[in-house]
Amino acid sequence: LAGAFTPTRSPNRVGARDAMQTRRSAFDSDGPLAGVATSLRIFSDNVQKGTDLKQAMADALAGEMSDAEEVEMLENALGLSKSAGCIMFTWEKSPACVNARKALDRMGCKYEEKDLDPTGPEGNKMRAVLGRHLGKSSVPMVFIGGKYVGGYSDGPNEEAPGLVPLSFDGKLRPMLEEAGAL
């Protein structure tokens, strides 16, 4: 029986070497998973630099941007922040964004929203750029009178503590009135 069986390669069978090559080519710059590889690299690089995990994730979701694209995106966002008495950069279904809308609606605030739709590249890029500039990438990002005041329940520092702390401190209503949003 020795030698009675000679393995042959089926034309439909993929060998281990072929499978590895297929996996590698999927991550190549023109492969279907190229974006995933880029996002993982961006996330890993940011974590190694000590970037906050939320910001690292925002950067990874945004993907690569040129310096010019980043500057233009920041100028656009900051321009929008000054276009209304109160503007929020939000995600539609974010619990914090829903709570911020409810709180401002209860106060009778006139505000505008810029949806940073997380399923599209534009919103992810703007969130990442604003996060790096403001020191906090979570939504909502609330601006009153062109000044960043934080998110719903918190912010990156005492100057931008968020809507809830501003309200408890008695500062939110006067800020909104001064900005013409009440």
N, C-alpha and C. Protein backbone atom coordinates (compact mmCIF):
# COMPACT_ATOMS: atom_id res chain seq x y z
N LEU A 1 0.80 -1.19 0.00
CA LEU A 1 0.00 0.00 0.00
C LEU A 1 0.84 1.26 0.00
N ALA A 2 2.07 1.13 0.41
CA ALA A 2 2.93 2.31 0.41
C ALA A 2 3.01 2.85 -0.99
N GLY A 3 2.81 4.14 -1.12
CA GLY A 3 2.88 4.79 -2.42
C GLY A 3 1.58 4.70 -3.20
N ALA A 4 0.58 4.00 -2.66
CA ALA A 4 -0.69 3.87 -3.38
C ALA A 4 -1.46 5.17 -3.38
N PHE A 5 -1.18 6.02 -2.39
CA PHE A 5 -1.91 7.28 -2.32
C PHE A 5 -0.94 8.41 -2.63
N THR A 6 -1.23 9.16 -3.64
CA THR A 6 -0.42 10.32 -4.00
C THR A 6 -1.33 11.55 -3.93
N PRO A 7 -1.06 12.44 -2.97
CA PRO A 7 -1.93 13.61 -2.86
C PRO A 7 -1.83 14.49 -4.10
N THR A 8 -2.95 14.93 -4.53
CA THR A 8 -2.99 15.87 -5.65
C THR A 8 -3.71 17.13 -5.18
N ARG A 9 -3.40 18.18 -5.80
CA ARG A 9 -4.00 19.45 -5.41
C ARG A 9 -5.22 19.71 -6.27
N SER A 10 -6.34 19.88 -5.60
CA SER A 10 -7.58 20.19 -6.31
C SER A 10 -7.50 21.63 -6.79
N PRO A 11 -7.98 21.92 -7.98
CA PRO A 11 -7.94 23.30 -8.47
C PRO A 11 -8.82 24.24 -7.62
N ASN A 12 -9.77 23.68 -6.87
CA ASN A 12 -10.66 24.50 -6.04
C ASN A 12 -10.16 24.66 -4.61
N ARG A 13 -9.12 23.93 -4.26
CA ARG A 13 -8.62 23.95 -2.89
C ARG A 13 -7.55 25.03 -2.75
N VAL A 14 -7.67 25.80 -1.68
CA VAL A 14 -6.69 26.85 -1.42
C VAL A 14 -5.73 26.35 -0.36
N GLY A 15 -4.46 26.41 -0.65
CA GLY A 15 -3.45 25.99 0.32
C GLY A 15 -3.22 27.06 1.37
N ALA A 16 -2.52 26.68 2.44
CA ALA A 16 -2.26 27.61 3.54
C ALA A 16 -1.50 28.84 3.06
N ARG A 17 -0.52 28.63 2.20
CA ARG A 17 0.26 29.76 1.69
C ARG A 17 -0.63 30.71 0.88
N ASP A 18 -1.51 30.13 0.06
CA ASP A 18 -2.43 30.96 -0.73
C ASP A 18 -3.39 31.73 0.18
N ALA A 19 -3.86 31.07 1.24
CA ALA A 19 -4.79 31.72 2.17
C ALA A 19 -4.11 32.89 2.87
N MET A 20 -2.85 32.71 3.28
CA MET A 20 -2.12 33.80 3.94
C MET A 20 -1.93 34.97 2.98
N GLN A 21 -1.60 34.66 1.74
CA GLN A 21 -1.42 35.72 0.75
C GLN A 21 -2.73 36.47 0.53
N THR A 22 -3.84 35.72 0.51
CA THR A 22 -5.15 36.35 0.33
C THR A 22 -5.44 37.27 1.51
N ARG A 23 -5.13 36.82 2.73
CA ARG A 23 -5.35 37.66 3.91
C ARG A 23 -4.49 38.91 3.85
N ARG A 24 -3.22 38.74 3.49
CA ARG A 24 -2.33 39.90 3.39
C ARG A 24 -2.84 40.89 2.36
N SER A 25 -3.24 40.40 1.20
CA SER A 25 -3.67 41.31 0.14
C SER A 25 -4.97 42.02 0.51
N ALA A 26 -5.78 41.44 1.38
CA ALA A 26 -7.01 42.10 1.81
C ALA A 26 -6.70 43.38 2.58
N PHE A 27 -5.53 43.42 3.26
CA PHE A 27 -5.15 44.59 4.04
C PHE A 27 -4.27 45.55 3.25
N ASP A 28 -3.88 45.20 2.02
CA ASP A 28 -3.08 46.10 1.20
C ASP A 28 -3.85 47.39 0.95
N SER A 29 -3.13 48.41 0.48
CA SER A 29 -3.74 49.73 0.32
C SER A 29 -4.97 49.74 -0.57
N ASP A 30 -5.07 48.78 -1.48
CA ASP A 30 -6.26 48.75 -2.34
C ASP A 30 -7.17 47.57 -2.00
N GLY A 31 -6.87 46.85 -0.92
CA GLY A 31 -7.69 45.70 -0.52
C GLY A 31 -8.94 46.14 0.21
N PRO A 32 -9.90 45.23 0.36
CA PRO A 32 -11.18 45.58 0.99
C PRO A 32 -11.08 45.93 2.47
N LEU A 33 -10.02 45.53 3.13
CA LEU A 33 -9.86 45.81 4.57
C LEU A 33 -8.80 46.88 4.84
N ALA A 34 -8.40 47.59 3.81
CA ALA A 34 -7.35 48.60 3.96
C ALA A 34 -7.73 49.64 5.01
N GLY A 35 -8.98 50.06 5.04
CA GLY A 35 -9.43 51.05 6.02
C GLY A 35 -9.31 50.54 7.44
N VAL A 36 -9.60 49.25 7.63
CA VAL A 36 -9.50 48.65 8.96
C VAL A 36 -8.04 48.67 9.43
N ALA A 37 -7.15 48.30 8.53
CA ALA A 37 -5.73 48.30 8.88
C ALA A 37 -5.25 49.71 9.23
N THR A 38 -5.69 50.69 8.47
CA THR A 38 -5.32 52.08 8.74
C THR A 38 -5.86 52.52 10.09
N SER A 39 -7.12 52.22 10.37
CA SER A 39 -7.73 52.60 11.65
C SER A 39 -7.01 51.95 12.82
N LEU A 40 -6.66 50.68 12.69
CA LEU A 40 -5.94 49.98 13.76
C LEU A 40 -4.56 50.60 13.98
N ARG A 41 -3.89 50.97 12.90
CA ARG A 41 -2.58 51.60 13.02
C ARG A 41 -2.69 52.96 13.72
N ILE A 42 -3.69 53.76 13.33
CA ILE A 42 -3.89 55.07 13.95
C ILE A 42 -4.19 54.91 15.43
N PHE A 43 -5.09 53.98 15.77
CA PHE A 43 -5.43 53.74 17.18
C PHE A 43 -4.19 53.32 17.97
N SER A 44 -3.45 52.36 17.44
CA SER A 44 -2.26 51.86 18.12
C SER A 44 -1.22 52.96 18.31
N ASP A 45 -0.98 53.75 17.27
CA ASP A 45 -0.02 54.86 17.37
C ASP A 45 -0.43 55.85 18.45
N ASN A 46 -1.72 56.18 18.49
CA ASN A 46 -2.20 57.14 19.49
C ASN A 46 -2.08 56.61 20.91
N VAL A 47 -2.42 55.34 21.10
CA VAL A 47 -2.31 54.74 22.43
C VAL A 47 -0.85 54.74 22.88
N GLN A 48 0.06 54.41 21.97
CA GLN A 48 1.48 54.40 22.31
C GLN A 48 1.98 55.80 22.68
N LYS A 49 1.38 56.84 22.10
CA LYS A 49 1.76 58.22 22.41
C LYS A 49 1.15 58.70 23.72
N GLY A 50 0.22 57.90 24.29
CA GLY A 50 -0.43 58.29 25.53
C GLY A 50 -1.71 59.08 25.34
N THR A 51 -2.25 59.07 24.14
CA THR A 51 -3.51 59.77 23.86
C THR A 51 -4.64 59.11 24.63
N ASP A 52 -5.57 59.92 25.13
CA ASP A 52 -6.78 59.43 25.79
C ASP A 52 -7.45 58.39 24.88
N LEU A 53 -7.96 57.30 25.47
CA LEU A 53 -8.54 56.21 24.66
C LEU A 53 -9.71 56.67 23.81
N LYS A 54 -10.58 57.54 24.34
CA LYS A 54 -11.70 58.02 23.53
C LYS A 54 -11.21 58.83 22.34
N GLN A 55 -10.19 59.65 22.56
CA GLN A 55 -9.65 60.43 21.45
C GLN A 55 -8.95 59.52 20.45
N ALA A 56 -8.24 58.50 20.94
CA ALA A 56 -7.58 57.55 20.04
C ALA A 56 -8.62 56.84 19.17
N MET A 57 -9.76 56.48 19.76
CA MET A 57 -10.82 55.84 19.00
C MET A 57 -11.43 56.82 17.99
N ALA A 58 -11.64 58.07 18.40
CA ALA A 58 -12.18 59.08 17.48
C ALA A 58 -11.24 59.27 16.30
N ASP A 59 -9.94 59.33 16.57
CA ASP A 59 -8.96 59.48 15.50
C ASP A 59 -8.96 58.27 14.57
N ALA A 60 -9.08 57.08 15.15
CA ALA A 60 -9.10 55.85 14.33
C ALA A 60 -10.33 55.82 13.43
N LEU A 61 -11.48 56.21 13.96
CA LEU A 61 -12.70 56.24 13.15
C LEU A 61 -12.63 57.30 12.06
N ALA A 62 -11.94 58.39 12.34
CA ALA A 62 -11.81 59.47 11.36
C ALA A 62 -10.91 59.07 10.20
N GLY A 63 -9.93 58.24 10.47
CA GLY A 63 -9.00 57.85 9.41
C GLY A 63 -7.93 58.92 9.22
N GLU A 64 -7.19 58.76 8.14
CA GLU A 64 -6.10 59.69 7.88
C GLU A 64 -6.62 60.99 7.30
N MET A 65 -5.99 62.09 7.72
CA MET A 65 -6.32 63.42 7.21
C MET A 65 -5.02 64.17 6.97
N SER A 66 -5.02 64.97 5.94
CA SER A 66 -3.87 65.84 5.72
C SER A 66 -3.94 66.99 6.70
N ASP A 67 -2.82 67.67 6.92
CA ASP A 67 -2.82 68.83 7.81
C ASP A 67 -3.78 69.89 7.30
N ALA A 68 -3.79 70.10 5.98
CA ALA A 68 -4.67 71.11 5.39
C ALA A 68 -6.14 70.74 5.61
N GLU A 69 -6.46 69.46 5.46
CA GLU A 69 -7.84 69.01 5.67
C GLU A 69 -8.24 69.21 7.14
N GLU A 70 -7.32 68.94 8.04
CA GLU A 70 -7.61 69.09 9.47
C GLU A 70 -7.82 70.56 9.83
N VAL A 71 -6.99 71.45 9.30
CA VAL A 71 -7.13 72.89 9.57
C VAL A 71 -8.46 73.39 9.02
N GLU A 72 -8.80 72.97 7.80
CA GLU A 72 -10.06 73.39 7.19
C GLU A 72 -11.26 72.89 8.00
N MET A 73 -11.19 71.65 8.46
CA MET A 73 -12.27 71.07 9.26
C MET A 73 -12.43 71.83 10.58
N LEU A 74 -11.32 72.16 11.24
CA LEU A 74 -11.38 72.90 12.50
C LEU A 74 -11.94 74.31 12.28
N GLU A 75 -11.47 74.99 11.25
CA GLU A 75 -11.99 76.33 10.95
C GLU A 75 -13.48 76.29 10.66
N ASN A 76 -13.92 75.28 9.93
CA ASN A 76 -15.34 75.12 9.61
C ASN A 76 -16.14 74.91 10.90
N ALA A 77 -15.67 74.02 11.76
CA ALA A 77 -16.37 73.72 13.02
C ALA A 77 -16.42 74.95 13.93
N LEU A 78 -15.30 75.64 14.06
CA LEU A 78 -15.27 76.82 14.92
C LEU A 78 -16.11 77.95 14.33
N GLY A 79 -16.16 78.03 13.00
CA GLY A 79 -17.05 78.99 12.35
C GLY A 79 -18.50 78.69 12.66
N LEU A 80 -18.87 77.41 12.59
CA LEU A 80 -20.23 77.00 12.94
C LEU A 80 -20.55 77.33 14.39
N SER A 81 -19.56 77.16 15.27
CA SER A 81 -19.79 77.39 16.70
C SER A 81 -20.14 78.84 17.00
N LYS A 82 -19.75 79.74 16.09
CA LYS A 82 -20.04 81.16 16.29
C LYS A 82 -21.26 81.62 15.50
N SER A 83 -21.87 80.70 14.76
CA SER A 83 -22.98 81.07 13.88
C SER A 83 -24.32 81.15 14.59
N ALA A 84 -24.40 80.68 15.81
CA ALA A 84 -25.67 80.69 16.55
C ALA A 84 -25.36 80.97 18.02
N GLY A 85 -26.38 81.42 18.74
CA GLY A 85 -26.20 81.67 20.17
C GLY A 85 -25.80 80.41 20.92
N CYS A 86 -26.40 79.28 20.50
CA CYS A 86 -26.08 77.99 21.10
C CYS A 86 -26.07 76.95 19.99
N ILE A 87 -25.02 76.22 19.90
CA ILE A 87 -24.93 75.14 18.92
C ILE A 87 -24.32 73.91 19.59
N MET A 88 -24.85 72.75 19.21
CA MET A 88 -24.34 71.49 19.75
C MET A 88 -23.90 70.61 18.59
N PHE A 89 -22.73 70.02 18.72
CA PHE A 89 -22.27 68.99 17.81
C PHE A 89 -22.68 67.67 18.46
N THR A 90 -23.52 66.89 17.78
CA THR A 90 -24.18 65.75 18.41
C THR A 90 -24.15 64.49 17.57
N TRP A 91 -24.56 63.40 18.21
CA TRP A 91 -24.98 62.18 17.54
C TRP A 91 -26.46 62.04 17.86
N GLU A 92 -27.24 61.66 16.89
CA GLU A 92 -28.69 61.62 17.05
C GLU A 92 -29.13 60.79 18.24
N LYS A 93 -28.58 59.59 18.40
CA LYS A 93 -29.08 58.67 19.42
C LYS A 93 -28.23 58.59 20.68
N SER A 94 -27.24 59.42 20.79
CA SER A 94 -26.41 59.43 22.00
C SER A 94 -27.26 59.82 23.21
N PRO A 95 -27.23 59.03 24.29
CA PRO A 95 -28.02 59.38 25.48
C PRO A 95 -27.67 60.77 26.04
N ALA A 96 -26.41 61.12 26.04
CA ALA A 96 -26.03 62.44 26.55
C ALA A 96 -26.57 63.55 25.65
N CYS A 97 -26.59 63.32 24.34
CA CYS A 97 -27.14 64.31 23.41
C CYS A 97 -28.64 64.44 23.58
N VAL A 98 -29.32 63.31 23.77
CA VAL A 98 -30.77 63.33 24.01
C VAL A 98 -31.06 64.13 25.27
N ASN A 99 -30.30 63.90 26.33
CA ASN A 99 -30.50 64.63 27.59
C ASN A 99 -30.21 66.12 27.43
N ALA A 100 -29.18 66.46 26.68
CA ALA A 100 -28.85 67.88 26.46
C ALA A 100 -29.98 68.57 25.70
N ARG A 101 -30.52 67.91 24.67
CA ARG A 101 -31.65 68.48 23.92
C ARG A 101 -32.84 68.72 24.85
N LYS A 102 -33.17 67.71 25.65
CA LYS A 102 -34.31 67.83 26.58
C LYS A 102 -34.11 68.99 27.55
N ALA A 103 -32.91 69.10 28.10
CA ALA A 103 -32.64 70.16 29.07
C ALA A 103 -32.77 71.54 28.43
N LEU A 104 -32.20 71.70 27.25
CA LEU A 104 -32.27 73.01 26.57
C LEU A 104 -33.70 73.31 26.12
N ASP A 105 -34.41 72.28 25.66
CA ASP A 105 -35.81 72.47 25.26
C ASP A 105 -36.66 72.92 26.45
N ARG A 106 -36.45 72.31 27.62
CA ARG A 106 -37.20 72.68 28.82
C ARG A 106 -36.96 74.15 29.21
N MET A 107 -35.77 74.62 28.92
CA MET A 107 -35.44 76.01 29.24
C MET A 107 -35.98 76.98 28.20
N GLY A 108 -36.44 76.44 27.07
CA GLY A 108 -36.90 77.30 25.98
C GLY A 108 -35.76 77.85 25.14
N CYS A 109 -34.64 77.17 25.17
CA CYS A 109 -33.45 77.60 24.44
C CYS A 109 -33.61 77.39 22.94
N LYS A 110 -33.15 78.38 22.18
CA LYS A 110 -33.07 78.24 20.72
C LYS A 110 -31.63 77.80 20.42
N TYR A 111 -31.50 76.63 19.86
CA TYR A 111 -30.16 76.12 19.57
C TYR A 111 -30.15 75.46 18.19
N GLU A 112 -28.96 75.34 17.66
CA GLU A 112 -28.77 74.62 16.40
C GLU A 112 -27.96 73.38 16.70
N GLU A 113 -28.10 72.41 15.81
CA GLU A 113 -27.36 71.15 15.95
C GLU A 113 -26.59 70.84 14.69
N LYS A 114 -25.42 70.31 14.87
CA LYS A 114 -24.63 69.76 13.77
C LYS A 114 -24.46 68.29 14.10
N ASP A 115 -25.12 67.43 13.33
CA ASP A 115 -25.06 65.99 13.58
C ASP A 115 -23.73 65.44 13.07
N LEU A 116 -22.97 64.88 13.96
CA LEU A 116 -21.69 64.24 13.61
C LEU A 116 -21.95 62.76 13.39
N ASP A 117 -22.79 62.45 12.43
CA ASP A 117 -23.21 61.09 12.13
C ASP A 117 -22.02 60.14 12.17
N PRO A 118 -22.02 59.20 13.13
CA PRO A 118 -20.87 58.30 13.27
C PRO A 118 -20.73 57.28 12.15
N THR A 119 -21.72 57.20 11.26
CA THR A 119 -21.61 56.23 10.16
C THR A 119 -20.95 56.85 8.94
N GLY A 120 -20.72 58.15 8.97
CA GLY A 120 -20.11 58.80 7.82
C GLY A 120 -18.75 59.36 8.15
N PRO A 121 -17.88 59.48 7.16
CA PRO A 121 -16.52 59.95 7.41
C PRO A 121 -16.45 61.42 7.84
N GLU A 122 -17.34 62.26 7.35
CA GLU A 122 -17.29 63.69 7.68
C GLU A 122 -17.50 63.93 9.18
N GLY A 123 -18.52 63.30 9.76
CA GLY A 123 -18.80 63.47 11.18
C GLY A 123 -17.68 62.94 12.06
N ASN A 124 -17.14 61.78 11.71
CA ASN A 124 -16.04 61.22 12.50
C ASN A 124 -14.81 62.12 12.45
N LYS A 125 -14.54 62.68 11.28
CA LYS A 125 -13.38 63.57 11.16
C LYS A 125 -13.56 64.82 12.00
N MET A 126 -14.77 65.42 11.92
CA MET A 126 -15.01 66.64 12.68
C MET A 126 -14.94 66.37 14.19
N ARG A 127 -15.48 65.24 14.61
CA ARG A 127 -15.43 64.88 16.04
C ARG A 127 -13.97 64.73 16.50
N ALA A 128 -13.16 64.06 15.70
CA ALA A 128 -11.75 63.86 16.06
C ALA A 128 -11.00 65.18 16.14
N VAL A 129 -11.20 66.03 15.14
CA VAL A 129 -10.51 67.32 15.11
C VAL A 129 -10.95 68.19 16.28
N LEU A 130 -12.26 68.28 16.51
CA LEU A 130 -12.75 69.07 17.65
C LEU A 130 -12.25 68.49 18.97
N GLY A 131 -12.25 67.18 19.08
CA GLY A 131 -11.77 66.54 20.31
C GLY A 131 -10.33 66.90 20.63
N ARG A 132 -9.48 66.89 19.61
CA ARG A 132 -8.07 67.27 19.84
C ARG A 132 -7.97 68.75 20.24
N HIS A 133 -8.78 69.58 19.61
CA HIS A 133 -8.72 71.02 19.88
C HIS A 133 -9.31 71.38 21.25
N LEU A 134 -10.40 70.70 21.62
CA LEU A 134 -11.13 71.06 22.85
C LEU A 134 -10.68 70.27 24.08
N GLY A 135 -10.01 69.14 23.87
CA GLY A 135 -9.58 68.32 24.99
C GLY A 135 -10.60 67.27 25.41
N LYS A 136 -11.67 67.10 24.62
CA LYS A 136 -12.69 66.11 24.94
C LYS A 136 -13.41 65.76 23.65
N SER A 137 -13.44 64.46 23.33
CA SER A 137 -14.02 64.04 22.05
C SER A 137 -15.44 63.51 22.16
N SER A 138 -15.98 63.41 23.38
CA SER A 138 -17.32 62.86 23.51
C SER A 138 -18.37 63.91 23.13
N VAL A 139 -19.53 63.42 22.74
CA VAL A 139 -20.64 64.29 22.35
C VAL A 139 -21.70 64.28 23.44
N PRO A 140 -22.44 65.38 23.57
CA PRO A 140 -22.43 66.56 22.71
C PRO A 140 -21.26 67.48 23.04
N MET A 141 -20.90 68.27 22.06
CA MET A 141 -19.93 69.35 22.24
C MET A 141 -20.75 70.63 22.13
N VAL A 142 -20.92 71.33 23.23
CA VAL A 142 -21.84 72.47 23.29
C VAL A 142 -21.07 73.79 23.29
N PHE A 143 -21.51 74.69 22.43
CA PHE A 143 -20.94 76.04 22.35
C PHE A 143 -22.06 77.04 22.64
N ILE A 144 -21.78 78.01 23.49
CA ILE A 144 -22.72 79.09 23.79
C ILE A 144 -22.00 80.40 23.52
N GLY A 145 -22.57 81.21 22.64
CA GLY A 145 -21.93 82.47 22.27
C GLY A 145 -20.54 82.27 21.69
N GLY A 146 -20.35 81.17 20.97
CA GLY A 146 -19.06 80.87 20.35
C GLY A 146 -18.04 80.28 21.29
N LYS A 147 -18.40 80.08 22.55
CA LYS A 147 -17.46 79.54 23.55
C LYS A 147 -17.84 78.10 23.88
N TYR A 148 -16.85 77.24 23.89
CA TYR A 148 -17.07 75.84 24.25
C TYR A 148 -17.35 75.75 25.75
N VAL A 149 -18.48 75.10 26.11
CA VAL A 149 -18.84 74.99 27.53
C VAL A 149 -18.83 73.54 28.02
N GLY A 150 -18.42 72.60 27.18
CA GLY A 150 -18.37 71.19 27.58
C GLY A 150 -19.49 70.39 26.94
N GLY A 151 -19.79 69.27 27.58
CA GLY A 151 -20.84 68.39 27.09
C GLY A 151 -22.10 68.55 27.92
N TYR A 152 -22.82 67.46 28.11
CA TYR A 152 -24.04 67.54 28.90
C TYR A 152 -23.72 67.56 30.40
N SER A 153 -23.07 66.50 30.87
CA SER A 153 -22.85 66.38 32.32
C SER A 153 -21.44 66.74 32.77
N ASP A 154 -20.53 66.91 31.82
CA ASP A 154 -19.17 67.25 32.22
C ASP A 154 -18.44 67.89 31.05
N GLY A 155 -17.19 68.25 31.32
CA GLY A 155 -16.34 68.85 30.31
C GLY A 155 -14.89 68.60 30.67
N PRO A 156 -13.99 69.14 29.86
CA PRO A 156 -12.57 68.85 30.09
C PRO A 156 -11.92 69.65 31.21
N ASN A 157 -12.56 70.75 31.63
CA ASN A 157 -11.93 71.59 32.66
C ASN A 157 -12.98 72.50 33.31
N GLU A 158 -12.53 73.33 34.25
CA GLU A 158 -13.45 74.23 34.98
C GLU A 158 -14.05 75.30 34.08
N GLU A 159 -13.35 75.68 33.03
CA GLU A 159 -13.87 76.69 32.10
C GLU A 159 -14.95 76.12 31.20
N ALA A 160 -14.96 74.82 31.01
CA ALA A 160 -15.95 74.14 30.18
C ALA A 160 -16.46 72.91 30.93
N PRO A 161 -17.25 73.13 32.00
CA PRO A 161 -17.65 72.02 32.86
C PRO A 161 -18.83 71.19 32.37
N GLY A 162 -19.58 71.71 31.39
CA GLY A 162 -20.76 71.01 30.90
C GLY A 162 -22.04 71.73 31.31
N LEU A 163 -23.15 71.36 30.66
CA LEU A 163 -24.43 72.02 30.90
C LEU A 163 -24.95 71.83 32.32
N VAL A 164 -24.88 70.60 32.83
CA VAL A 164 -25.43 70.33 34.17
C VAL A 164 -24.67 71.13 35.24
N PRO A 165 -23.35 71.07 35.29
CA PRO A 165 -22.65 71.88 36.30
C PRO A 165 -22.92 73.38 36.14
N LEU A 166 -22.98 73.86 34.90
CA LEU A 166 -23.27 75.28 34.69
C LEU A 166 -24.65 75.63 35.23
N SER A 167 -25.61 74.74 35.02
CA SER A 167 -26.96 74.98 35.51
C SER A 167 -26.99 74.99 37.04
N PHE A 168 -26.35 74.01 37.67
CA PHE A 168 -26.31 73.95 39.13
C PHE A 168 -25.62 75.17 39.74
N ASP A 169 -24.64 75.70 39.02
CA ASP A 169 -23.92 76.89 39.51
C ASP A 169 -24.65 78.19 39.18
N GLY A 170 -25.81 78.09 38.52
CA GLY A 170 -26.58 79.28 38.16
C GLY A 170 -25.98 80.09 37.03
N LYS A 171 -25.10 79.49 36.23
CA LYS A 171 -24.42 80.22 35.16
C LYS A 171 -25.01 79.95 33.77
N LEU A 172 -25.74 78.86 33.61
CA LEU A 172 -26.20 78.48 32.27
C LEU A 172 -27.21 79.48 31.71
N ARG A 173 -28.25 79.79 32.45
CA ARG A 173 -29.29 80.71 31.95
C ARG A 173 -28.70 82.07 31.56
N PRO A 174 -27.88 82.71 32.42
CA PRO A 174 -27.30 83.99 32.01
C PRO A 174 -26.44 83.89 30.75
N MET A 175 -25.70 82.79 30.60
CA MET A 175 -24.88 82.61 29.40
C MET A 175 -25.76 82.53 28.16
N LEU A 176 -26.84 81.76 28.25
CA LEU A 176 -27.75 81.61 27.12
C LEU A 176 -28.45 82.93 26.80
N GLU A 177 -28.83 83.67 27.83
CA GLU A 177 -29.47 84.98 27.61
C GLU A 177 -28.51 85.94 26.93
N GLU A 178 -27.27 85.99 27.42
CA GLU A 178 -26.27 86.88 26.84
C GLU A 178 -25.99 86.54 25.37
N ALA A 179 -26.05 85.25 25.04
CA ALA A 179 -25.79 84.80 23.67
C ALA A 179 -27.02 84.96 22.77
N GLY A 180 -28.15 85.36 23.36
CA GLY A 180 -29.37 85.52 22.57
C GLY A 180 -30.08 84.22 22.27
N ALA A 181 -29.79 83.18 23.04
CA ALA A 181 -30.40 81.87 22.81
C ALA A 181 -31.63 81.65 23.68
N LEU A 182 -31.95 82.59 24.57
CA LEU A 182 -33.17 82.52 25.40
C LEU A 182 -34.01 83.76 25.17
